Amino acid sequence: MVWVATALAAASLVLVVVNMVLALGNEQARTAANARQQFISQNSQAGSLDNALIRALVGEAVNNNNAEIQALLTRAGVTYAPNPPAAAGAGAAPSPTPPAEPSGTATPPAPSAGKP
C-alpha cells in the first residue's frame, strides 16, 4: 500500500512539472502573438497615413501640374490618372465649393512584406 501511495505521489510530481513547462510555453506563445498583433495594428495605422499622404500628393500633382511631385510619385510606383472634366452640357450647375478629394485617382504601390 505504501508503494502505491509513493507511485501516485511521484506521478503527481511529474504532472506538476509537465504543467509548469506547458504553462511557460503557453505564455511565450501568447507574448509572441501579442507582439505580432501590435505589429499588424501599427502597420495598419501607417498604411492609412500613407494613403492619405499619397492622396494629398496626387491632388497637388494633378491640380497644380507639379512635375517634381509627379516624378516622385512615379519613382515610388504610384500610378494615377486625372479625372476627366465634367461635361459642359450636362445641365448641372458648377459647384461653388472646391471638391474635398483631389481631382485625381491614385493607386498606391503594393505594400512590402515586413517581418515583425
C-alpha atoms as a PDB file:
ATOM      1  CA  MET A   1       0.000   0.000   0.000  1.00  0.00           C
ATOM      2  CA  VAL A   2       2.899   2.356   0.739  1.00  0.00           C
ATOM      3  CA  TRP A   3       4.363   1.656  -2.708  1.00  0.00           C
ATOM      4  CA  VAL A   4       1.091   2.644  -4.382  1.00  0.00           C
ATOM      5  CA  ALA A   5       0.954   5.909  -2.448  1.00  0.00           C
ATOM      6  CA  THR A   6       4.598   6.632  -3.326  1.00  0.00           C
ATOM      7  CA  ALA A   7       3.954   5.910  -7.008  1.00  0.00           C
ATOM      8  CA  LEU A   8       0.923   8.201  -7.014  1.00  0.00           C
ATOM      9  CA  ALA A   9       2.923  10.948  -5.316  1.00  0.00           C
ATOM     10  CA  ALA A  10       5.704  10.603  -7.900  1.00  0.00           C
ATOM     11  CA  ALA A  11       3.172  10.687 -10.734  1.00  0.00           C
ATOM     12  CA  SER A  12       1.621  13.829  -9.234  1.00  0.00           C
ATOM     13  CA  LEU A  13       5.040  15.474  -9.055  1.00  0.00           C
ATOM     14  CA  VAL A  14       5.746  14.610 -12.695  1.00  0.00           C
ATOM     15  CA  LEU A  15       2.374  16.041 -13.714  1.00  0.00           C
ATOM     16  CA  VAL A  16       3.078  19.276 -11.816  1.00  0.00           C
ATOM     17  CA  VAL A  17       6.398  19.677 -13.649  1.00  0.00           C
ATOM     18  CA  VAL A  18       4.739  18.971 -17.021  1.00  0.00           C
ATOM     19  CA  ASN A  19       2.034  21.509 -16.200  1.00  0.00           C
ATOM     20  CA  MET A  20       4.665  24.168 -15.398  1.00  0.00           C
ATOM     21  CA  VAL A  21       6.505  23.538 -18.666  1.00  0.00           C
ATOM     22  CA  LEU A  22       3.288  23.767 -20.666  1.00  0.00           C
ATOM     23  CA  ALA A  23       2.265  26.966 -18.858  1.00  0.00           C
ATOM     24  CA  LEU A  24       5.621  28.594 -19.688  1.00  0.00           C
ATOM     25  CA  GLY A  25       5.325  27.557 -23.335  1.00  0.00           C
ATOM     26  CA  ASN A  26       1.786  28.940 -23.474  1.00  0.00           C
ATOM     27  CA  GLU A  27       2.937  32.252 -22.006  1.00  0.00           C
ATOM     28  CA  GLN A  28       5.736  32.544 -24.584  1.00  0.00           C
ATOM     29  CA  ALA A  29       3.307  31.799 -27.416  1.00  0.00           C
ATOM     30  CA  ARG A  30       0.868  34.391 -26.069  1.00  0.00           C
ATOM     31  CA  THR A  31       3.629  37.006 -25.842  1.00  0.00           C
ATOM     32  CA  ALA A  32       4.698  36.317 -29.430  1.00  0.00           C
ATOM     33  CA  ALA A  33       1.098  36.516 -30.664  1.00  0.00           C
ATOM     34  CA  ASN A  34       0.598  39.842 -28.874  1.00  0.00           C
ATOM     35  CA  ALA A  35       3.769  41.230 -30.445  1.00  0.00           C
ATOM     36  CA  ARG A  36       2.578  40.162 -33.929  1.00  0.00           C
ATOM     37  CA  GLN A  37      -0.838  41.719 -33.299  1.00  0.00           C
ATOM     38  CA  GLN A  38       0.764  45.001 -32.250  1.00  0.00           C
ATOM     39  CA  PHE A  39       2.936  44.952 -35.384  1.00  0.00           C
ATOM     40  CA  ILE A  40      -0.127  44.372 -37.579  1.00  0.00           C
ATOM     41  CA  SER A  41      -2.026  47.181 -35.848  1.00  0.00           C
ATOM     42  CA  GLN A  42       0.840  49.634 -36.265  1.00  0.00           C
ATOM     43  CA  ASN A  43       1.232  48.737 -39.953  1.00  0.00           C
ATOM     44  CA  SER A  44      -2.498  49.251 -40.489  1.00  0.00           C
ATOM     45  CA  GLN A  45      -2.296  52.721 -38.967  1.00  0.00           C
ATOM     46  CA  ALA A  46       0.789  53.549 -41.030  1.00  0.00           C
ATOM     47  CA  GLY A  47      -0.954  52.292 -44.173  1.00  0.00           C
ATOM     48  CA  SER A  48      -3.878  54.667 -43.716  1.00  0.00           C
ATOM     49  CA  LEU A  49      -1.445  57.534 -43.142  1.00  0.00           C
ATOM     50  CA  ASP A  50       0.460  56.509 -46.286  1.00  0.00           C
ATOM     51  CA  ASN A  51      -2.762  56.520 -48.308  1.00  0.00           C
ATOM     52  CA  ALA A  52      -3.697  59.985 -47.029  1.00  0.00           C
ATOM     53  CA  LEU A  53      -0.245  61.297 -47.886  1.00  0.00           C
ATOM     54  CA  ILE A  54      -0.369  59.742 -51.360  1.00  0.00           C
ATOM     55  CA  ARG A  55      -3.817  61.240 -51.995  1.00  0.00           C
ATOM     56  CA  ALA A  56      -2.564  64.670 -50.937  1.00  0.00           C
ATOM     57  CA  LEU A  57       0.467  64.379 -53.213  1.00  0.00           C
ATOM     58  CA  VAL A  58      -1.667  63.234 -56.138  1.00  0.00           C
ATOM     59  CA  GLY A  59      -4.011  66.157 -55.561  1.00  0.00           C
ATOM     60  CA  GLU A  60      -1.083  68.568 -55.589  1.00  0.00           C
ATOM     61  CA  ALA A  61       0.443  66.957 -58.683  1.00  0.00           C
ATOM     62  CA  VAL A  62      -2.827  66.982 -60.634  1.00  0.00           C
ATOM     63  CA  ASN A  63      -4.251  70.334 -59.537  1.00  0.00           C
ATOM     64  CA  ASN A  64      -1.018  72.316 -59.937  1.00  0.00           C
ATOM     65  CA  ASN A  65       0.691  70.167 -62.599  1.00  0.00           C
ATOM     66  CA  ASN A  66       3.743  69.886 -60.330  1.00  0.00           C
ATOM     67  CA  ALA A  67       6.404  67.975 -62.276  1.00  0.00           C
ATOM     68  CA  GLU A  68       8.596  67.311 -59.226  1.00  0.00           C
ATOM     69  CA  ILE A  69       5.785  65.627 -57.307  1.00  0.00           C
ATOM     70  CA  GLN A  70       4.729  63.708 -60.417  1.00  0.00           C
ATOM     71  CA  ALA A  71       8.301  62.395 -60.761  1.00  0.00           C
ATOM     72  CA  LEU A  72       8.390  61.498 -57.053  1.00  0.00           C
ATOM     73  CA  LEU A  73       5.131  59.566 -57.334  1.00  0.00           C
ATOM     74  CA  THR A  74       6.344  57.768 -60.459  1.00  0.00           C
ATOM     75  CA  ARG A  75       9.599  56.739 -58.750  1.00  0.00           C
ATOM     76  CA  ALA A  76       7.590  55.429 -55.786  1.00  0.00           C
ATOM     77  CA  GLY A  77       5.467  53.295 -58.101  1.00  0.00           C
ATOM     78  CA  VAL A  78       2.251  55.265 -57.647  1.00  0.00           C
ATOM     79  CA  THR A  79       0.095  55.430 -60.745  1.00  0.00           C
ATOM     80  CA  TYR A  80      -2.720  57.916 -61.069  1.00  0.00           C
ATOM     81  CA  ALA A  81      -4.947  59.403 -63.717  1.00  0.00           C
ATOM     82  CA  PRO A  82      -6.665  62.774 -63.568  1.00  0.00           C
ATOM     83  CA  ASN A  83     -10.435  62.639 -63.518  1.00  0.00           C
ATOM     84  CA  PRO A  84     -11.918  63.856 -66.805  1.00  0.00           C
ATOM     85  CA  PRO A  85     -13.556  67.291 -66.604  1.00  0.00           C
ATOM     86  CA  ALA A  86     -17.338  67.330 -66.222  1.00  0.00           C
ATOM     87  CA  ALA A  87     -19.294  67.671 -69.457  1.00  0.00           C
ATOM     88  CA  ALA A  88     -20.315  71.290 -70.044  1.00  0.00           C
ATOM     89  CA  GLY A  89     -23.726  70.432 -71.446  1.00  0.00           C
ATOM     90  CA  ALA A  90     -24.702  68.022 -68.681  1.00  0.00           C
ATOM     91  CA  GLY A  91     -27.184  70.515 -67.230  1.00  0.00           C
ATOM     92  CA  ALA A  92     -25.626  70.581 -63.787  1.00  0.00           C
ATOM     93  CA  ALA A  93     -24.532  73.870 -62.328  1.00  0.00           C
ATOM     94  CA  PRO A  94     -20.908  74.036 -61.251  1.00  0.00           C
ATOM     95  CA  SER A  95     -20.308  73.670 -57.564  1.00  0.00           C
ATOM     96  CA  PRO A  96     -19.240  76.903 -55.803  1.00  0.00           C
ATOM     97  CA  THR A  97     -17.007  74.993 -53.384  1.00  0.00           C
ATOM     98  CA  PRO A  98     -13.885  73.067 -54.344  1.00  0.00           C
ATOM     99  CA  PRO A  99     -14.074  69.277 -54.128  1.00  0.00           C
ATOM    100  CA  ALA A 100     -12.986  67.698 -50.865  1.00  0.00           C
ATOM    101  CA  GLU A 101     -10.992  64.981 -52.635  1.00  0.00           C
ATOM    102  CA  PRO A 102      -8.134  65.664 -55.051  1.00  0.00           C
ATOM    103  CA  SER A 103      -9.175  65.669 -58.668  1.00  0.00           C
ATOM    104  CA  GLY A 104      -7.219  62.525 -59.468  1.00  0.00           C
ATOM    105  CA  THR A 105      -7.372  58.908 -58.504  1.00  0.00           C
ATOM    106  CA  ALA A 106      -4.296  57.183 -57.137  1.00  0.00           C
ATOM    107  CA  THR A 107      -3.213  53.602 -56.851  1.00  0.00           C
ATOM    108  CA  PRO A 108      -0.560  53.249 -54.142  1.00  0.00           C
ATOM    109  CA  PRO A 109       2.188  50.680 -54.608  1.00  0.00           C
ATOM    110  CA  ALA A 110       1.723  47.240 -53.119  1.00  0.00           C
ATOM    111  CA  PRO A 111       2.990  47.104 -49.513  1.00  0.00           C
ATOM    112  CA  SER A 112       6.250  45.309 -48.984  1.00  0.00           C
ATOM    113  CA  ALA A 113       6.208  42.227 -46.778  1.00  0.00           C
ATOM    114  CA  GLY A 114       7.805  43.109 -43.440  1.00  0.00           C
ATOM    115  CA  LYS A 115       8.865  40.915 -40.597  1.00  0.00           C
ATOM    116  CA  PRO A 116       7.750  41.670 -37.034  1.00  0.00           C
END
